Amino acid sequence: MAELQFDPGQPLRWELPAGEEPHRLQRKQGKAKVLEMEDLQFHRNSAVWLPDHGECHEAADGGAAGDRVTGLVVLEKVFAQAAADPSRSLLVVGHTDTTGEDEPNLYLSDLRARNVYAFLRGDRSGWVATCVERSKVEDVQQILHWAAAERGWDCRPGPVDDRLGPKTRAGIEGFQREFNADFEASVAVDGVVGPETWGAMFDVLSAALAARRGTDLAGLERERRSLAFHRPAAIGCGEVYPIEGSRKNDYRSQKNRRVELLFFEEGEAPAPVGGQGDCGLCALLYVKGSYDFEPIPCDPAPSPTLLRAYLQLRLQGPDGGWRPFPEGLAVRVLYANGTEQVRLVGEEGRLDFAVRRNGEAFTLRVDGEEACYYACDADGQEARAVGEGDLGALEEGWKWFRFPPGLGLDGGAWEVAGA
């Protein structure tokens, strides 16, 4: 009698001796670690992964919403797991619920997997392409609410109702303006979410992920390149393998609209079966008993909950007079965690920016590459910041002086006039 063992994901090839004695086959169960993705949610019929669920980071009573597992928390855990165990390969698997037809759901699940995979790899154009192909207004609305809470931006779109109304258009325009200011970009401020604005959302989400990893965008790029993916790296399994509502048709389920991240040790990953494509891999993974999945704990993270800070900045000129910083002057806000944002001074020297409720330290700096001058008319009623090349174009009677190089809160004498 011959005794054979075979792995569930490997092609079966063997030769058995002929004879009357029966052969016994013993099936070896595969093992994998799975990052639970129930909170990396997707709206129905959408391929866009959501950084957070709900409309904001605050409870109805105005207090903090509390710690919770969000889409960004899950993706941050992917990099933490990969860093802790770099020998494992990663497979991204998309799923849908059972509303809709089988074939469209299979394609949608593949889009979801590719959307997450593209973001993990840092493939900006690939991520944008999946968003453009299958997204909804409510995806945009939810991301706008997240950006308002995460960065303190003025871009809230009103309720998440999947309607492109005036409030949502205003929120999109607010996002585009804020992105241009903070990322020194030139996205069209038109209230339209096309490839350009989806690309901006990719950049903002990447910056947030980098901050959660305690690094910058260059550091995140290095981590992205270090991820070891299975081949194929992303597959869709359609509606066949639900978490809940098994064998129920037209069963709408947010838990089933998911992407799972599977980590395999060497030799444990399923091998593609010729001619069967993704469906064959899905069967190898999810047929009962094929794999023993060990959940990876994903601890909730604190909601970012930011506050909006307002300062009125004034500068004492060579004549001893105090004048508000000119409108439109770019000021960098530098945070203790290494991130920064660029804000433009408003009317009467007013500067607004976001600070975290945990009291994170920050400083301000005006240190552009070119010399910057403060120019005002003879009566001091009109003022603006100008570059050195624009001084000759000032009207007669105007006077100017240069901003001190490297001007910031950490240099020079500042006084607090009120709070």
Protein backbone atom coordinates (compact mmCIF):
# COMPACT_ATOMS: atom_id res chain seq x y z
CA MET A 1 0.00 0.00 0.00
CA ALA A 2 1.33 3.47 -0.90
CA GLU A 3 0.62 6.42 1.41
CA LEU A 4 0.67 9.83 -0.23
CA GLN A 5 0.35 13.36 1.07
CA PHE A 6 -0.50 16.27 -1.17
CA ASP A 7 -0.85 20.00 -0.64
CA PRO A 8 -4.23 21.54 -1.49
CA GLY A 9 -2.69 24.16 -3.71
CA GLN A 10 -0.26 22.02 -5.68
CA PRO A 11 -0.85 20.17 -8.95
CA LEU A 12 -1.40 16.47 -8.35
CA ARG A 13 1.09 14.25 -10.20
CA TRP A 14 2.15 10.82 -9.00
CA GLU A 15 2.64 7.24 -10.09
CA LEU A 16 1.09 4.43 -8.10
CA PRO A 17 2.12 0.78 -8.27
CA ALA A 18 -0.55 -1.54 -9.54
CA GLY A 19 -1.86 -4.21 -7.24
CA GLU A 20 -4.83 -5.40 -5.31
CA GLU A 21 -3.97 -3.56 -2.09
CA PRO A 22 -5.80 -0.19 -1.84
CA HIS A 23 -3.88 3.07 -1.73
CA ARG A 24 -4.55 5.64 0.98
CA LEU A 25 -4.31 9.36 0.20
CA GLN A 26 -3.80 11.81 3.05
CA ARG A 27 -4.63 15.42 2.37
CA LYS A 28 -2.41 18.07 3.98
CA GLN A 29 -4.22 21.21 5.14
CA GLY A 30 -2.60 24.45 4.04
CA LYS A 31 -1.94 27.29 6.45
CA ALA A 32 -2.12 31.05 5.98
CA LYS A 33 -2.49 34.18 8.03
CA VAL A 34 -5.42 36.40 7.15
CA LEU A 35 -5.89 40.06 7.89
CA GLU A 36 -9.56 40.51 8.62
CA MET A 37 -10.99 43.11 6.27
CA GLU A 38 -14.54 43.56 7.52
CA ASP A 39 -13.84 47.20 8.32
CA LEU A 40 -12.10 47.88 5.03
CA GLN A 41 -15.52 48.44 3.60
CA PHE A 42 -16.84 49.02 0.13
CA HIS A 43 -20.08 50.58 -0.93
CA ARG A 44 -22.37 48.35 -2.93
CA ASN A 45 -21.29 48.10 -6.60
CA SER A 46 -18.12 50.12 -5.95
CA ALA A 47 -14.43 49.17 -6.19
CA VAL A 48 -13.10 52.03 -4.03
CA TRP A 49 -11.76 51.06 -0.59
CA LEU A 50 -12.78 53.53 2.11
CA PRO A 51 -10.27 54.97 4.62
CA ASP A 52 -12.96 55.26 7.28
CA HIS A 53 -16.60 54.43 7.75
CA GLY A 54 -19.19 56.97 8.81
CA GLU A 55 -19.39 60.65 8.00
CA CYS A 56 -16.90 62.01 10.52
CA HIS A 57 -14.60 61.23 13.41
CA GLU A 58 -16.87 62.72 16.04
CA ALA A 59 -19.85 61.35 17.90
CA ALA A 60 -23.25 62.97 17.71
CA ASP A 61 -22.72 64.69 21.07
CA GLY A 62 -19.58 66.40 19.76
CA GLY A 63 -17.15 64.17 21.63
CA ALA A 64 -14.56 61.85 20.15
CA ALA A 65 -16.03 58.87 18.36
CA GLY A 66 -13.62 56.50 20.09
CA ASP A 67 -11.04 54.06 18.82
CA ARG A 68 -12.01 51.81 15.92
CA VAL A 69 -10.62 49.71 13.11
CA THR A 70 -10.72 51.62 9.83
CA GLY A 71 -9.50 51.00 6.31
CA LEU A 72 -6.28 52.90 6.93
CA VAL A 73 -5.66 50.99 10.15
CA VAL A 74 -5.99 47.70 8.25
CA LEU A 75 -3.59 48.77 5.49
CA GLU A 76 -1.08 50.03 8.05
CA LYS A 77 -1.26 46.56 9.62
CA VAL A 78 -0.31 45.04 6.25
CA PHE A 79 3.04 46.85 6.36
CA ALA A 80 3.55 46.05 10.03
CA GLN A 81 2.94 42.34 9.35
CA ALA A 82 5.22 42.35 6.31
CA ALA A 83 7.99 44.03 8.31
CA ALA A 84 7.63 41.53 11.15
CA ASP A 85 7.62 38.50 8.83
CA PRO A 86 9.16 39.45 5.47
CA SER A 87 9.44 35.85 4.26
CA ARG A 88 5.69 35.54 3.70
CA SER A 89 4.07 36.32 0.36
CA LEU A 90 0.86 38.35 0.16
CA LEU A 91 -2.27 37.61 -1.89
CA VAL A 92 -5.10 40.16 -2.18
CA VAL A 93 -8.55 38.54 -2.60
CA GLY A 94 -11.71 40.45 -3.45
CA HIS A 95 -15.29 39.44 -2.64
CA THR A 96 -18.83 40.75 -3.16
CA ASP A 97 -22.23 40.09 -1.64
CA THR A 98 -24.88 38.18 -3.58
CA THR A 99 -26.87 41.11 -4.92
CA GLY A 100 -26.59 41.26 -8.70
CA GLU A 101 -25.53 38.68 -11.27
CA ASP A 102 -22.66 36.21 -10.87
CA GLU A 103 -20.41 37.37 -13.71
CA PRO A 104 -20.58 41.12 -12.96
CA ASN A 105 -19.92 40.32 -9.28
CA LEU A 106 -16.86 38.28 -10.23
CA TYR A 107 -15.50 41.22 -12.22
CA LEU A 108 -16.33 43.66 -9.40
CA SER A 109 -14.49 41.51 -6.85
CA ASP A 110 -11.45 41.53 -9.13
CA LEU A 111 -11.63 45.33 -9.39
CA ARG A 112 -11.75 45.59 -5.59
CA ALA A 113 -8.69 43.40 -5.21
CA ARG A 114 -6.81 45.40 -7.84
CA ASN A 115 -7.82 48.68 -6.17
CA VAL A 116 -6.31 47.61 -2.84
CA TYR A 117 -3.29 45.99 -4.51
CA ALA A 118 -2.54 49.15 -6.53
CA PHE A 119 -2.64 51.28 -3.38
CA LEU A 120 -0.37 48.90 -1.47
CA ARG A 121 2.13 48.91 -4.35
CA GLY A 122 1.98 52.68 -4.76
CA ASP A 123 0.61 52.32 -8.30
CA ARG A 124 -1.11 55.71 -8.53
CA SER A 125 -2.35 55.33 -12.12
CA GLY A 126 -3.61 51.79 -11.47
CA TRP A 127 -5.52 52.91 -8.38
CA VAL A 128 -7.01 55.88 -10.22
CA ALA A 129 -8.07 53.65 -13.13
CA THR A 130 -10.07 51.31 -10.87
CA CYS A 131 -11.68 54.29 -9.11
CA VAL A 132 -12.69 55.90 -12.40
CA GLU A 133 -14.08 52.60 -13.70
CA ARG A 134 -16.24 51.73 -10.68
CA SER A 135 -16.96 54.39 -8.07
CA LYS A 136 -19.98 56.19 -6.67
CA VAL A 137 -20.75 59.66 -5.38
CA GLU A 138 -21.02 58.26 -1.85
CA ASP A 139 -17.39 57.08 -2.09
CA VAL A 140 -16.33 60.65 -2.82
CA GLN A 141 -18.52 62.03 -0.04
CA GLN A 142 -17.08 59.65 2.52
CA ILE A 143 -13.49 60.40 1.51
CA LEU A 144 -14.24 64.13 1.75
CA HIS A 145 -15.56 63.69 5.30
CA TRP A 146 -12.45 61.71 6.17
CA ALA A 147 -10.16 64.41 4.71
CA ALA A 148 -12.00 67.10 6.68
CA ALA A 149 -11.42 65.19 9.92
CA GLU A 150 -7.93 63.89 9.11
CA ARG A 151 -6.40 67.15 7.87
CA GLY A 152 -8.81 69.79 9.12
CA TRP A 153 -9.75 70.75 5.57
CA ASP A 154 -12.81 72.76 4.67
CA CYS A 155 -14.34 70.14 2.38
CA ARG A 156 -17.34 68.55 4.10
CA PRO A 157 -19.96 67.60 1.49
CA GLY A 158 -23.07 67.31 3.64
CA PRO A 159 -24.71 63.91 4.21
CA VAL A 160 -23.40 60.76 2.51
CA ASP A 161 -26.44 60.27 0.28
CA ASP A 162 -24.88 59.33 -3.10
CA ARG A 163 -26.23 62.54 -4.65
CA LEU A 164 -24.07 65.04 -6.47
CA GLY A 165 -25.74 68.17 -5.14
CA PRO A 166 -24.48 71.72 -4.45
CA LYS A 167 -23.00 70.79 -1.04
CA THR A 168 -21.06 67.89 -2.49
CA ARG A 169 -19.74 70.01 -5.37
CA ALA A 170 -18.68 72.66 -2.86
CA GLY A 171 -16.96 69.97 -0.78
CA ILE A 172 -15.08 68.73 -3.87
CA GLU A 173 -13.97 72.26 -4.71
CA GLY A 174 -12.87 72.73 -1.10
CA PHE A 175 -10.83 69.52 -1.30
CA GLN A 176 -9.22 70.65 -4.54
CA ARG A 177 -8.30 74.07 -3.09
CA GLU A 178 -6.94 72.58 0.12
CA PHE A 179 -4.95 69.97 -1.78
CA ASN A 180 -3.38 72.59 -4.01
CA ALA A 181 -2.36 74.65 -0.97
CA ASP A 182 -0.98 71.77 1.11
CA PHE A 183 0.64 69.74 -1.67
CA GLU A 184 1.76 72.69 -3.82
CA ALA A 185 -0.29 71.31 -6.71
CA SER A 186 -2.46 72.76 -9.45
CA VAL A 187 -5.52 70.51 -9.59
CA ALA A 188 -8.43 72.20 -11.35
CA VAL A 189 -10.91 73.62 -8.81
CA ASP A 190 -14.04 72.64 -10.72
CA GLY A 191 -16.08 70.43 -8.39
CA VAL A 192 -15.51 67.41 -10.67
CA VAL A 193 -13.89 64.16 -9.52
CA GLY A 194 -12.01 62.82 -12.52
CA PRO A 195 -8.59 61.19 -12.83
CA GLU A 196 -6.81 64.32 -11.61
CA THR A 197 -8.79 64.57 -8.37
CA TRP A 198 -8.69 60.80 -7.79
CA GLY A 199 -4.92 61.13 -8.06
CA ALA A 200 -5.02 63.86 -5.43
CA MET A 201 -7.02 61.56 -3.15
CA PHE A 202 -4.38 58.86 -3.66
CA ASP A 203 -1.69 61.31 -2.54
CA VAL A 204 -3.65 62.38 0.55
CA LEU A 205 -4.37 58.78 1.54
CA SER A 206 -0.71 57.88 1.03
CA ALA A 207 0.39 60.79 3.22
CA ALA A 208 -1.97 59.62 5.96
CA LEU A 209 -0.68 56.05 5.73
CA ALA A 210 2.92 57.29 5.89
CA ALA A 211 2.12 59.29 9.02
CA ARG A 212 0.59 56.23 10.66
CA ARG A 213 3.74 54.29 9.80
CA GLY A 214 5.84 57.04 11.41
CA THR A 215 7.58 57.90 8.15
CA ASP A 216 7.33 60.22 5.15
CA LEU A 217 6.27 59.50 1.57
CA ALA A 218 9.79 58.45 0.58
CA GLY A 219 9.88 56.01 3.49
CA LEU A 220 6.45 54.65 2.55
CA GLU A 221 7.67 54.13 -1.01
CA ARG A 222 10.54 52.01 0.29
CA GLU A 223 8.10 49.93 2.34
CA ARG A 224 5.84 49.51 -0.66
CA ARG A 225 8.73 48.19 -2.77
CA SER A 226 9.63 45.69 -0.04
CA LEU A 227 6.23 43.92 -0.07
CA ALA A 228 6.48 40.38 -1.47
CA PHE A 229 3.37 39.44 -3.45
CA HIS A 230 2.06 36.08 -4.59
CA ARG A 231 1.72 35.50 -8.33
CA PRO A 232 -0.95 36.42 -9.24
CA ALA A 233 -1.00 39.19 -6.64
CA ALA A 234 -4.72 40.04 -6.74
CA ILE A 235 -7.72 37.87 -7.58
CA GLY A 236 -11.50 38.13 -7.42
CA CYS A 237 -13.69 35.36 -6.02
CA GLY A 238 -17.06 36.97 -6.70
CA GLU A 239 -19.96 36.12 -4.41
CA VAL A 240 -19.18 32.43 -3.86
CA TYR A 241 -17.40 32.57 -0.48
CA PRO A 242 -19.37 34.86 1.89
CA ILE A 243 -18.79 35.49 5.58
CA GLU A 244 -22.51 35.57 6.30
CA GLY A 245 -25.71 34.61 4.50
CA SER A 246 -24.31 31.50 2.83
CA ARG A 247 -26.58 30.12 0.08
CA LYS A 248 -28.79 33.24 0.23
CA ASN A 249 -29.50 34.96 -3.06
CA ASP A 250 -29.73 38.76 -3.31
CA TYR A 251 -28.34 39.02 0.23
CA ARG A 252 -27.02 42.52 0.80
CA SER A 253 -24.10 42.42 3.24
CA GLN A 254 -21.41 44.94 4.07
CA LYS A 255 -19.32 42.16 5.67
CA ASN A 256 -19.30 40.23 2.41
CA ARG A 257 -18.24 43.29 0.38
CA ARG A 258 -14.63 42.90 1.40
CA VAL A 259 -11.03 42.31 0.48
CA GLU A 260 -8.94 39.79 2.39
CA LEU A 261 -5.16 39.88 2.68
CA LEU A 262 -3.61 36.43 2.93
CA PHE A 263 0.00 35.86 4.05
CA PHE A 264 1.65 32.53 3.11
CA GLU A 265 4.88 30.97 4.24
CA GLU A 266 7.12 29.58 1.51
CA GLY A 267 5.60 26.42 0.09
CA GLU A 268 2.14 27.08 1.53
CA ALA A 269 0.78 29.37 -1.20
CA PRO A 270 -1.68 27.82 -3.68
CA ALA A 271 -0.30 27.07 -7.12
CA PRO A 272 -2.39 28.21 -10.12
CA VAL A 273 -4.17 25.33 -11.81
CA GLY A 274 -3.85 25.41 -15.57
CA GLY A 275 -6.89 26.80 -17.34
CA GLN A 276 -8.92 27.51 -14.21
CA GLY A 277 -7.79 31.11 -13.58
CA ASP A 278 -8.89 32.98 -10.46
CA CYS A 279 -11.85 30.65 -9.87
CA GLY A 280 -9.49 27.71 -9.52
CA LEU A 281 -7.36 29.59 -6.96
CA CYS A 282 -10.48 30.62 -5.04
CA ALA A 283 -11.62 27.02 -4.82
CA LEU A 284 -8.19 25.93 -3.59
CA LEU A 285 -8.32 28.60 -0.90
CA TYR A 286 -11.89 28.43 0.33
CA VAL A 287 -13.23 24.91 -0.19
CA LYS A 288 -13.89 23.64 3.32
CA GLY A 289 -10.80 22.23 4.95
CA SER A 290 -8.32 23.37 2.30
CA TYR A 291 -6.67 26.01 4.46
CA ASP A 292 -6.45 26.82 8.11
CA PHE A 293 -6.62 30.62 8.31
CA GLU A 294 -5.06 32.25 11.36
CA PRO A 295 -6.49 35.75 11.94
CA ILE A 296 -4.01 38.57 12.40
CA PRO A 297 -5.15 40.84 15.26
CA CYS A 298 -5.84 44.37 14.15
CA ASP A 299 -6.10 46.73 17.09
CA PRO A 300 -8.25 49.85 16.80
CA ALA A 301 -6.42 53.13 16.45
CA PRO A 302 -7.45 56.48 17.93
CA SER A 303 -9.51 58.73 15.73
CA PRO A 304 -7.35 61.61 14.53
CA THR A 305 -9.90 64.26 15.57
CA LEU A 306 -8.29 67.55 14.67
CA LEU A 307 -8.97 71.07 15.80
CA ARG A 308 -8.82 74.13 13.60
CA ALA A 309 -6.29 76.73 14.81
CA TYR A 310 -6.53 80.39 13.91
CA LEU A 311 -3.71 82.89 14.25
CA GLN A 312 -3.41 86.50 13.25
CA LEU A 313 0.16 87.16 12.23
CA ARG A 314 1.66 90.64 12.34
CA LEU A 315 5.15 91.85 11.54
CA GLN A 316 7.02 94.89 12.87
CA GLY A 317 8.70 96.75 10.02
CA PRO A 318 11.89 98.83 10.05
CA ASP A 319 9.82 101.95 10.82
CA GLY A 320 8.50 100.37 14.02
CA GLY A 321 4.96 99.97 12.71
CA TRP A 322 3.01 96.73 13.06
CA ARG A 323 1.39 95.33 9.94
CA PRO A 324 -0.57 92.13 9.29
CA PHE A 325 1.13 89.50 7.18
CA PRO A 326 0.07 90.07 3.55
CA GLU A 327 -2.74 88.01 2.10
CA GLY A 328 -1.59 85.10 -0.04
CA LEU A 329 1.77 84.64 1.70
CA ALA A 330 2.68 80.94 1.92
CA VAL A 331 3.47 79.71 5.45
CA ARG A 332 4.68 76.19 6.24
CA VAL A 333 3.22 74.46 9.28
CA LEU A 334 5.80 71.92 10.53
CA TYR A 335 4.61 69.21 12.93
CA ALA A 336 6.68 67.25 15.42
CA ASN A 337 6.01 63.95 13.59
CA GLY A 338 7.83 65.25 10.49
CA THR A 339 4.78 66.06 8.38
CA GLU A 340 3.92 69.54 7.17
CA GLN A 341 1.31 71.51 5.33
CA VAL A 342 1.45 74.79 3.46
CA ARG A 343 -1.21 77.38 4.24
CA LEU A 344 -1.86 80.77 2.68
CA VAL A 345 -2.36 83.83 4.86
CA GLY A 346 -5.86 85.26 4.57
CA GLU A 347 -7.30 88.71 5.18
CA GLU A 348 -5.83 90.78 8.01
CA GLY A 349 -2.95 88.34 8.45
CA ARG A 350 -5.20 85.46 9.47
CA LEU A 351 -3.76 81.95 9.19
CA ASP A 352 -5.83 78.81 9.82
CA PHE A 353 -4.52 75.26 9.99
CA ALA A 354 -5.20 71.92 11.68
CA VAL A 355 -3.72 70.71 14.98
CA ARG A 356 -4.35 67.40 16.72
CA ARG A 357 -6.19 67.26 20.01
CA ASN A 358 -3.33 65.36 21.63
CA GLY A 359 -1.31 68.57 21.82
CA GLU A 360 1.23 67.68 19.11
CA ALA A 361 3.88 70.40 18.79
CA PHE A 362 4.19 72.51 15.65
CA THR A 363 6.04 75.53 14.36
CA LEU A 364 5.54 77.99 11.50
CA ARG A 365 8.08 79.07 8.91
CA VAL A 366 8.28 81.47 5.97
CA ASP A 367 11.32 80.37 4.01
CA GLY A 368 10.63 80.18 0.31
CA GLU A 369 13.42 79.58 -2.18
CA GLU A 370 13.21 83.16 -3.45
CA ALA A 371 13.54 86.35 -1.42
CA CYS A 372 10.14 87.60 -0.26
CA TYR A 373 9.29 91.25 0.33
CA TYR A 374 6.51 92.98 2.22
CA ALA A 375 5.18 95.87 0.16
CA CYS A 376 2.55 98.44 1.18
CA ASP A 377 1.19 101.72 -0.13
CA ALA A 378 2.05 105.07 1.40
CA ASP A 379 -1.00 105.00 3.70
CA GLY A 380 -0.48 101.42 4.80
CA GLN A 381 -3.97 100.49 3.63
CA GLU A 382 -2.93 97.95 1.03
CA ALA A 383 -0.19 95.37 1.37
CA ARG A 384 1.00 92.28 -0.41
CA ALA A 385 3.90 89.88 -0.59
CA VAL A 386 6.04 90.27 -3.71
CA GLY A 387 9.11 88.60 -5.13
CA GLU A 388 12.32 90.44 -5.87
CA GLY A 389 11.55 90.54 -9.58
CA ASP A 390 8.24 92.34 -8.95
CA LEU A 391 9.58 95.27 -6.94
CA GLY A 392 10.10 97.42 -10.04
CA ALA A 393 6.42 97.07 -10.96
CA LEU A 394 5.13 98.59 -7.70
CA GLU A 395 3.21 101.85 -7.94
CA GLU A 396 4.84 105.14 -7.01
CA GLY A 397 4.87 105.80 -3.29
CA TRP A 398 4.92 102.17 -2.27
CA LYS A 399 7.56 101.03 0.19
CA TRP A 400 8.85 97.60 0.97
CA PHE A 401 11.18 95.60 3.15
CA ARG A 402 12.41 92.04 2.98
CA PHE A 403 11.07 89.33 5.23
CA PRO A 404 13.87 88.08 7.50
CA PRO A 405 15.36 84.88 5.97
CA GLY A 406 14.15 81.75 7.74
CA LEU A 407 11.42 83.64 9.60
CA GLY A 408 9.56 81.29 11.92
CA LEU A 409 8.23 80.76 15.41
CA ASP A 410 11.53 79.14 16.36
CA GLY A 411 13.50 82.26 15.49
CA GLY A 412 13.05 85.95 16.26
CA ALA A 413 11.00 87.64 18.95
CA TRP A 414 7.28 86.97 18.97
CA GLU A 415 4.61 88.36 21.23
CA VAL A 416 1.15 86.97 21.96
CA ALA A 417 -1.29 89.85 21.71
CA GLY A 418 -4.40 87.90 22.65
CA ALA A 419 -5.98 84.46 22.83
